[in-house]
Amino acid sequence: MYFSHASYVAQVGEVVVQKGKPVLQKIYAAADCGEVINQSGARQQVMGGIVDGLGHAMYGNMTFKEGMPEQNNFNSYRLIRFNEIPEVEVHFVDNGIVPTGLGEPALPPTGAAVANAIFKATGKRLRNQPFTEQEAFKGVS
């Protein structure tokens, strides 16, 4: 769960183990952001934050050498790919209050939701990102 811009967003991940490796099937999100005027736009905001947060949690790894980043373009910095995005289900709390912010609050809880789901499925805690470099993911592309 995360709170910012007067909005709350909570997430839960659904992970299954296939061929000995955790596979993220789905992310559920609930947002309490006041009255939602544009359902489609609000849903896209939450989904975009989740995809960005998932990409950082799974693959984001910036390394430095002599104070300079070793990854300086997208050919050397791993981003999430379209086929790696799980199903995302978004729900909004209908609380009748004025609209609040929704641009950023969905990104931060994604890593925790995925890590908790992986723990539930495998019994292995992931405490460092990117997750794909952890023991639970060895051999996964």
N, C-alpha and C. Protein backbone atom coordinates (compact mmCIF):
# COMPACT_ATOMS: atom_id res chain seq x y z
N MET A 1 0.85 -1.17 0.00
CA MET A 1 0.00 0.00 0.00
C MET A 1 0.89 1.23 0.00
N TYR A 2 0.42 2.27 -0.67
CA TYR A 2 1.18 3.51 -0.74
C TYR A 2 0.20 4.68 -0.69
N PHE A 3 0.63 5.77 -0.08
CA PHE A 3 -0.17 6.99 0.01
C PHE A 3 0.65 8.16 -0.50
N SER A 4 0.11 8.85 -1.48
CA SER A 4 0.70 10.12 -1.92
C SER A 4 -0.35 10.87 -2.71
N HIS A 5 -0.18 12.19 -2.81
CA HIS A 5 -1.12 13.05 -3.52
C HIS A 5 -2.56 12.85 -3.02
N ALA A 6 -2.68 12.59 -1.70
CA ALA A 6 -3.97 12.37 -1.04
C ALA A 6 -4.72 11.14 -1.57
N SER A 7 -4.00 10.19 -2.15
CA SER A 7 -4.59 8.96 -2.66
C SER A 7 -3.90 7.74 -2.05
N TYR A 8 -4.67 6.69 -1.90
CA TYR A 8 -4.14 5.40 -1.46
C TYR A 8 -4.22 4.42 -2.62
N VAL A 9 -3.17 3.62 -2.79
CA VAL A 9 -3.22 2.52 -3.76
C VAL A 9 -2.64 1.28 -3.08
N ALA A 10 -3.41 0.20 -3.10
CA ALA A 10 -2.97 -1.07 -2.55
C ALA A 10 -2.92 -2.10 -3.68
N GLN A 11 -1.96 -3.02 -3.58
CA GLN A 11 -1.80 -4.03 -4.62
C GLN A 11 -1.52 -5.40 -4.04
N VAL A 12 -1.93 -6.41 -4.79
CA VAL A 12 -1.64 -7.80 -4.46
C VAL A 12 -1.21 -8.47 -5.76
N GLY A 13 -0.14 -9.25 -5.70
CA GLY A 13 0.31 -10.01 -6.86
C GLY A 13 -0.13 -11.45 -6.77
N GLU A 14 -0.27 -12.07 -7.92
CA GLU A 14 -0.62 -13.50 -8.01
C GLU A 14 0.50 -14.20 -8.76
N VAL A 15 1.20 -15.10 -8.08
CA VAL A 15 2.35 -15.80 -8.66
C VAL A 15 2.11 -17.30 -8.60
N VAL A 16 2.48 -17.99 -9.67
CA VAL A 16 2.48 -19.45 -9.70
C VAL A 16 3.91 -19.90 -9.99
N VAL A 17 4.21 -21.13 -9.64
CA VAL A 17 5.52 -21.69 -9.94
C VAL A 17 5.38 -22.61 -11.14
N GLN A 18 6.17 -22.32 -12.18
CA GLN A 18 6.17 -23.13 -13.39
C GLN A 18 7.61 -23.53 -13.68
N LYS A 19 7.83 -24.82 -13.82
CA LYS A 19 9.17 -25.35 -14.08
C LYS A 19 10.17 -24.86 -13.03
N GLY A 20 9.71 -24.78 -11.80
CA GLY A 20 10.58 -24.40 -10.70
C GLY A 20 10.84 -22.91 -10.56
N LYS A 21 10.21 -22.10 -11.37
CA LYS A 21 10.44 -20.65 -11.33
C LYS A 21 9.13 -19.91 -11.07
N PRO A 22 9.20 -18.79 -10.33
CA PRO A 22 7.99 -18.00 -10.11
C PRO A 22 7.59 -17.24 -11.37
N VAL A 23 6.28 -17.25 -11.64
CA VAL A 23 5.73 -16.54 -12.81
C VAL A 23 4.60 -15.65 -12.31
N LEU A 24 4.73 -14.36 -12.55
CA LEU A 24 3.70 -13.41 -12.16
C LEU A 24 2.53 -13.50 -13.13
N GLN A 25 1.36 -13.88 -12.62
CA GLN A 25 0.18 -14.04 -13.45
C GLN A 25 -0.67 -12.78 -13.52
N LYS A 26 -0.80 -12.08 -12.36
CA LYS A 26 -1.74 -10.98 -12.31
C LYS A 26 -1.40 -10.06 -11.15
N ILE A 27 -1.74 -8.79 -11.32
CA ILE A 27 -1.65 -7.82 -10.23
C ILE A 27 -3.02 -7.19 -10.07
N TYR A 28 -3.50 -7.19 -8.83
CA TYR A 28 -4.76 -6.55 -8.48
C TYR A 28 -4.42 -5.23 -7.80
N ALA A 29 -5.13 -4.18 -8.15
CA ALA A 29 -4.90 -2.87 -7.54
C ALA A 29 -6.23 -2.27 -7.12
N ALA A 30 -6.21 -1.64 -5.96
CA ALA A 30 -7.38 -0.89 -5.48
C ALA A 30 -6.90 0.52 -5.19
N ALA A 31 -7.58 1.50 -5.75
CA ALA A 31 -7.19 2.90 -5.58
C ALA A 31 -8.32 3.68 -4.90
N ASP A 32 -7.95 4.43 -3.88
CA ASP A 32 -8.86 5.34 -3.20
C ASP A 32 -8.37 6.74 -3.52
N CYS A 33 -8.94 7.31 -4.58
CA CYS A 33 -8.45 8.59 -5.10
C CYS A 33 -9.58 9.59 -5.28
N GLY A 34 -10.61 9.46 -4.46
CA GLY A 34 -11.74 10.36 -4.61
C GLY A 34 -12.60 9.97 -5.79
N GLU A 35 -13.53 10.85 -6.14
CA GLU A 35 -14.41 10.58 -7.27
C GLU A 35 -13.59 10.46 -8.56
N VAL A 36 -13.82 9.41 -9.31
CA VAL A 36 -13.12 9.19 -10.57
C VAL A 36 -13.98 9.76 -11.70
N ILE A 37 -13.50 10.82 -12.32
CA ILE A 37 -14.23 11.49 -13.39
C ILE A 37 -14.08 10.74 -14.72
N ASN A 38 -12.85 10.33 -15.02
CA ASN A 38 -12.55 9.65 -16.28
C ASN A 38 -12.05 8.25 -15.95
N GLN A 39 -12.95 7.27 -15.98
CA GLN A 39 -12.61 5.89 -15.60
C GLN A 39 -11.46 5.33 -16.44
N SER A 40 -11.53 5.52 -17.74
CA SER A 40 -10.50 4.98 -18.62
C SER A 40 -9.14 5.63 -18.34
N GLY A 41 -9.12 6.93 -18.22
CA GLY A 41 -7.87 7.63 -17.95
C GLY A 41 -7.29 7.25 -16.60
N ALA A 42 -8.14 7.15 -15.59
CA ALA A 42 -7.67 6.77 -14.25
C ALA A 42 -7.12 5.35 -14.26
N ARG A 43 -7.80 4.45 -14.94
CA ARG A 43 -7.34 3.07 -15.03
C ARG A 43 -5.98 3.00 -15.71
N GLN A 44 -5.81 3.77 -16.78
CA GLN A 44 -4.53 3.80 -17.50
C GLN A 44 -3.41 4.37 -16.62
N GLN A 45 -3.74 5.36 -15.79
CA GLN A 45 -2.75 5.93 -14.86
C GLN A 45 -2.25 4.84 -13.91
N VAL A 46 -3.18 4.10 -13.33
CA VAL A 46 -2.80 3.05 -12.38
C VAL A 46 -2.03 1.94 -13.09
N MET A 47 -2.52 1.51 -14.23
CA MET A 47 -1.84 0.44 -14.97
C MET A 47 -0.43 0.87 -15.40
N GLY A 48 -0.28 2.10 -15.85
CA GLY A 48 1.04 2.60 -16.24
C GLY A 48 2.00 2.62 -15.08
N GLY A 49 1.52 3.05 -13.91
CA GLY A 49 2.38 3.05 -12.73
C GLY A 49 2.81 1.64 -12.35
N ILE A 50 1.89 0.70 -12.46
CA ILE A 50 2.20 -0.70 -12.15
C ILE A 50 3.24 -1.25 -13.12
N VAL A 51 3.06 -1.01 -14.40
CA VAL A 51 4.02 -1.52 -15.39
C VAL A 51 5.40 -0.91 -15.15
N ASP A 52 5.45 0.38 -14.90
CA ASP A 52 6.73 1.03 -14.63
C ASP A 52 7.37 0.48 -13.36
N GLY A 53 6.57 0.35 -12.30
CA GLY A 53 7.09 -0.20 -11.05
C GLY A 53 7.56 -1.63 -11.20
N LEU A 54 6.82 -2.43 -11.96
CA LEU A 54 7.22 -3.82 -12.20
C LEU A 54 8.53 -3.88 -12.97
N GLY A 55 8.67 -3.03 -13.97
CA GLY A 55 9.92 -3.01 -14.74
C GLY A 55 11.12 -2.68 -13.88
N HIS A 56 10.97 -1.70 -13.00
CA HIS A 56 12.07 -1.34 -12.10
C HIS A 56 12.38 -2.48 -11.13
N ALA A 57 11.32 -3.06 -10.54
CA ALA A 57 11.52 -4.12 -9.55
C ALA A 57 12.16 -5.36 -10.16
N MET A 58 11.76 -5.72 -11.35
CA MET A 58 12.26 -6.94 -11.97
C MET A 58 13.61 -6.78 -12.67
N TYR A 59 13.81 -5.64 -13.35
CA TYR A 59 14.96 -5.53 -14.25
C TYR A 59 15.86 -4.34 -14.01
N GLY A 60 15.37 -3.30 -13.38
CA GLY A 60 16.13 -2.06 -13.27
C GLY A 60 17.42 -2.22 -12.49
N ASN A 61 18.53 -1.97 -13.13
CA ASN A 61 19.82 -2.09 -12.47
C ASN A 61 20.79 -1.09 -13.07
N MET A 62 21.05 -0.04 -12.34
CA MET A 62 21.99 0.99 -12.77
C MET A 62 23.28 0.80 -11.99
N THR A 63 24.37 0.61 -12.70
CA THR A 63 25.68 0.47 -12.05
C THR A 63 26.56 1.64 -12.45
N PHE A 64 27.54 1.91 -11.59
CA PHE A 64 28.42 3.06 -11.81
C PHE A 64 29.88 2.63 -11.74
N LYS A 65 30.70 3.29 -12.54
CA LYS A 65 32.14 3.05 -12.54
C LYS A 65 32.82 4.42 -12.56
N GLU A 66 33.62 4.68 -11.57
CA GLU A 66 34.31 5.97 -11.42
C GLU A 66 33.32 7.13 -11.47
N GLY A 67 32.17 6.94 -10.84
CA GLY A 67 31.17 8.00 -10.74
C GLY A 67 30.31 8.19 -11.97
N MET A 68 30.49 7.38 -12.98
CA MET A 68 29.72 7.50 -14.22
C MET A 68 28.83 6.27 -14.41
N PRO A 69 27.60 6.47 -14.89
CA PRO A 69 26.74 5.29 -15.12
C PRO A 69 27.29 4.42 -16.24
N GLU A 70 27.27 3.12 -16.01
CA GLU A 70 27.72 2.18 -17.05
C GLU A 70 26.63 1.95 -18.10
N GLN A 71 25.39 2.18 -17.73
CA GLN A 71 24.29 2.06 -18.67
C GLN A 71 23.89 3.49 -19.07
N ASN A 72 24.09 3.82 -20.33
CA ASN A 72 23.82 5.20 -20.75
C ASN A 72 22.82 5.30 -21.90
N ASN A 73 22.19 4.18 -22.24
CA ASN A 73 21.16 4.21 -23.26
C ASN A 73 20.31 2.95 -23.11
N PHE A 74 19.24 2.84 -23.86
CA PHE A 74 18.33 1.73 -23.70
C PHE A 74 18.89 0.42 -24.23
N ASN A 75 19.97 0.43 -24.95
CA ASN A 75 20.58 -0.83 -25.40
C ASN A 75 21.38 -1.48 -24.27
N SER A 76 21.67 -0.75 -23.20
CA SER A 76 22.43 -1.32 -22.09
C SER A 76 21.66 -1.26 -20.76
N TYR A 77 20.46 -0.71 -20.76
CA TYR A 77 19.63 -0.66 -19.57
C TYR A 77 18.36 -1.44 -19.84
N ARG A 78 18.14 -2.50 -19.09
CA ARG A 78 17.02 -3.42 -19.33
C ARG A 78 15.70 -2.81 -18.89
N LEU A 79 14.76 -2.75 -19.81
CA LEU A 79 13.40 -2.30 -19.54
C LEU A 79 12.45 -3.49 -19.65
N ILE A 80 11.29 -3.37 -19.04
CA ILE A 80 10.27 -4.41 -19.16
C ILE A 80 9.78 -4.45 -20.60
N ARG A 81 9.48 -5.64 -21.08
CA ARG A 81 8.97 -5.82 -22.44
C ARG A 81 7.47 -6.08 -22.39
N PHE A 82 6.83 -5.77 -23.47
CA PHE A 82 5.37 -5.89 -23.53
C PHE A 82 4.89 -7.28 -23.14
N ASN A 83 5.57 -8.31 -23.62
CA ASN A 83 5.13 -9.68 -23.34
C ASN A 83 5.41 -10.11 -21.89
N GLU A 84 6.06 -9.28 -21.10
CA GLU A 84 6.35 -9.58 -19.70
C GLU A 84 5.34 -8.95 -18.74
N ILE A 85 4.40 -8.21 -19.29
CA ILE A 85 3.40 -7.52 -18.46
C ILE A 85 2.26 -8.49 -18.15
N PRO A 86 1.99 -8.70 -16.85
CA PRO A 86 0.90 -9.60 -16.50
C PRO A 86 -0.45 -8.92 -16.66
N GLU A 87 -1.51 -9.67 -16.46
CA GLU A 87 -2.84 -9.09 -16.42
C GLU A 87 -2.90 -8.15 -15.22
N VAL A 88 -3.55 -7.01 -15.38
CA VAL A 88 -3.71 -6.05 -14.29
C VAL A 88 -5.20 -5.76 -14.14
N GLU A 89 -5.68 -5.88 -12.91
CA GLU A 89 -7.08 -5.61 -12.61
C GLU A 89 -7.13 -4.44 -11.63
N VAL A 90 -7.84 -3.38 -12.01
CA VAL A 90 -7.88 -2.15 -11.21
C VAL A 90 -9.30 -1.90 -10.71
N HIS A 91 -9.39 -1.56 -9.43
CA HIS A 91 -10.68 -1.21 -8.81
C HIS A 91 -10.54 0.14 -8.13
N PHE A 92 -11.62 0.92 -8.15
CA PHE A 92 -11.63 2.22 -7.50
C PHE A 92 -12.63 2.24 -6.35
N VAL A 93 -12.25 2.88 -5.26
CA VAL A 93 -13.13 3.04 -4.12
C VAL A 93 -14.07 4.21 -4.42
N ASP A 94 -15.36 3.96 -4.38
CA ASP A 94 -16.34 5.01 -4.63
C ASP A 94 -16.69 5.66 -3.29
N ASN A 95 -15.93 6.71 -2.92
CA ASN A 95 -16.11 7.31 -1.60
C ASN A 95 -16.79 8.68 -1.63
N GLY A 96 -17.04 9.22 -2.81
CA GLY A 96 -17.77 10.47 -2.93
C GLY A 96 -17.00 11.73 -2.59
N ILE A 97 -15.71 11.63 -2.28
CA ILE A 97 -14.94 12.83 -1.99
C ILE A 97 -14.39 13.42 -3.29
N VAL A 98 -13.88 14.63 -3.21
CA VAL A 98 -13.35 15.28 -4.41
C VAL A 98 -12.16 14.49 -4.95
N PRO A 99 -11.90 14.57 -6.26
CA PRO A 99 -10.77 13.83 -6.84
C PRO A 99 -9.44 14.24 -6.22
N THR A 100 -8.57 13.26 -6.08
CA THR A 100 -7.22 13.50 -5.58
C THR A 100 -6.22 13.10 -6.66
N GLY A 101 -4.95 12.98 -6.34
CA GLY A 101 -3.93 12.68 -7.34
C GLY A 101 -3.84 11.21 -7.68
N LEU A 102 -3.41 10.90 -8.90
CA LEU A 102 -3.33 9.50 -9.32
C LEU A 102 -2.14 9.22 -10.23
N GLY A 103 -1.29 10.17 -10.48
CA GLY A 103 -0.18 9.95 -11.42
C GLY A 103 0.90 9.03 -10.90
N GLU A 104 1.27 9.13 -9.63
CA GLU A 104 2.39 8.37 -9.11
C GLU A 104 2.06 7.27 -8.11
N PRO A 105 0.97 7.33 -7.37
CA PRO A 105 0.78 6.40 -6.26
C PRO A 105 0.76 4.91 -6.60
N ALA A 106 0.56 4.52 -7.83
CA ALA A 106 0.50 3.09 -8.17
C ALA A 106 1.87 2.47 -8.38
N LEU A 107 2.91 3.26 -8.60
CA LEU A 107 4.23 2.69 -8.86
C LEU A 107 4.89 2.08 -7.62
N PRO A 108 5.02 2.77 -6.51
CA PRO A 108 5.79 2.24 -5.38
C PRO A 108 5.32 0.90 -4.80
N PRO A 109 4.02 0.61 -4.69
CA PRO A 109 3.66 -0.66 -4.05
C PRO A 109 3.85 -1.89 -4.93
N THR A 110 4.16 -1.71 -6.20
CA THR A 110 4.25 -2.86 -7.11
C THR A 110 5.35 -3.83 -6.71
N GLY A 111 6.54 -3.33 -6.43
CA GLY A 111 7.65 -4.21 -6.06
C GLY A 111 7.33 -5.04 -4.83
N ALA A 112 6.73 -4.41 -3.83
CA ALA A 112 6.38 -5.12 -2.60
C ALA A 112 5.30 -6.17 -2.86
N ALA A 113 4.31 -5.84 -3.68
CA ALA A 113 3.25 -6.80 -4.00
C ALA A 113 3.81 -8.03 -4.70
N VAL A 114 4.73 -7.81 -5.63
CA VAL A 114 5.35 -8.93 -6.36
C VAL A 114 6.24 -9.75 -5.43
N ALA A 115 7.04 -9.08 -4.61
CA ALA A 115 7.92 -9.80 -3.68
C ALA A 115 7.10 -10.64 -2.70
N ASN A 116 6.01 -10.10 -2.19
CA ASN A 116 5.16 -10.85 -1.27
C ASN A 116 4.52 -12.05 -1.96
N ALA A 117 4.09 -11.89 -3.21
CA ALA A 117 3.48 -12.99 -3.95
C ALA A 117 4.51 -14.09 -4.24
N ILE A 118 5.73 -13.69 -4.55
CA ILE A 118 6.79 -14.68 -4.78
C ILE A 118 7.09 -15.44 -3.50
N PHE A 119 7.11 -14.74 -2.37
CA PHE A 119 7.32 -15.42 -1.09
C PHE A 119 6.21 -16.42 -0.82
N LYS A 120 4.98 -16.02 -1.06
CA LYS A 120 3.84 -16.90 -0.82
C LYS A 120 3.93 -18.16 -1.70
N ALA A 121 4.38 -18.01 -2.94
CA ALA A 121 4.44 -19.13 -3.88
C ALA A 121 5.67 -20.01 -3.68
N THR A 122 6.80 -19.41 -3.25
CA THR A 122 8.06 -20.16 -3.22
C THR A 122 8.67 -20.31 -1.83
N GLY A 123 8.24 -19.48 -0.89
CA GLY A 123 8.86 -19.48 0.43
C GLY A 123 10.17 -18.71 0.46
N LYS A 124 10.55 -18.07 -0.64
CA LYS A 124 11.80 -17.30 -0.72
C LYS A 124 11.51 -15.81 -0.66
N ARG A 125 12.18 -15.13 0.24
CA ARG A 125 12.05 -13.68 0.36
C ARG A 125 13.00 -13.00 -0.61
N LEU A 126 12.49 -12.02 -1.34
CA LEU A 126 13.31 -11.19 -2.22
C LEU A 126 13.45 -9.83 -1.54
N ARG A 127 14.66 -9.48 -1.18
CA ARG A 127 14.89 -8.23 -0.47
C ARG A 127 15.70 -7.23 -1.29
N ASN A 128 16.18 -7.65 -2.45
CA ASN A 128 16.98 -6.78 -3.30
C ASN A 128 16.42 -6.75 -4.71
N GLN A 129 16.51 -5.59 -5.31
CA GLN A 129 16.10 -5.44 -6.70
C GLN A 129 17.34 -5.24 -7.55
N PRO A 130 17.33 -5.63 -8.79
CA PRO A 130 16.22 -6.24 -9.52
C PRO A 130 16.00 -7.69 -9.11
N PHE A 131 14.75 -8.09 -9.07
CA PHE A 131 14.39 -9.43 -8.62
C PHE A 131 14.97 -10.51 -9.53
N THR A 132 15.05 -10.27 -10.83
CA THR A 132 15.51 -11.31 -11.75
C THR A 132 16.97 -11.69 -11.51
N GLU A 133 17.69 -10.90 -10.75
CA GLU A 133 19.08 -11.26 -10.43
C GLU A 133 19.18 -12.04 -9.13
N GLN A 134 18.06 -12.31 -8.49
CA GLN A 134 18.04 -13.07 -7.25
C GLN A 134 17.96 -14.56 -7.55
N GLU A 135 18.31 -15.37 -6.57
CA GLU A 135 18.37 -16.83 -6.72
C GLU A 135 17.07 -17.43 -7.24
N ALA A 136 15.93 -16.91 -6.83
CA ALA A 136 14.64 -17.47 -7.26
C ALA A 136 14.44 -17.39 -8.77
N PHE A 137 15.20 -16.53 -9.45
CA PHE A 137 15.00 -16.31 -10.88
C PHE A 137 16.17 -16.78 -11.74
N LYS A 138 17.13 -17.44 -11.19
CA LYS A 138 18.29 -17.86 -12.00
C LYS A 138 17.83 -18.67 -13.19
N GLY A 139 18.28 -18.28 -14.38
CA GLY A 139 17.92 -18.97 -15.60
C GLY A 139 16.68 -18.45 -16.28
N VAL A 140 15.97 -17.49 -15.67
CA VAL A 140 14.78 -16.91 -16.29
C VAL A 140 15.20 -15.73 -17.14
N SER A 141 14.70 -15.66 -18.36
CA SER A 141 15.07 -14.54 -19.23
C SER A 141 14.14 -13.38 -19.04
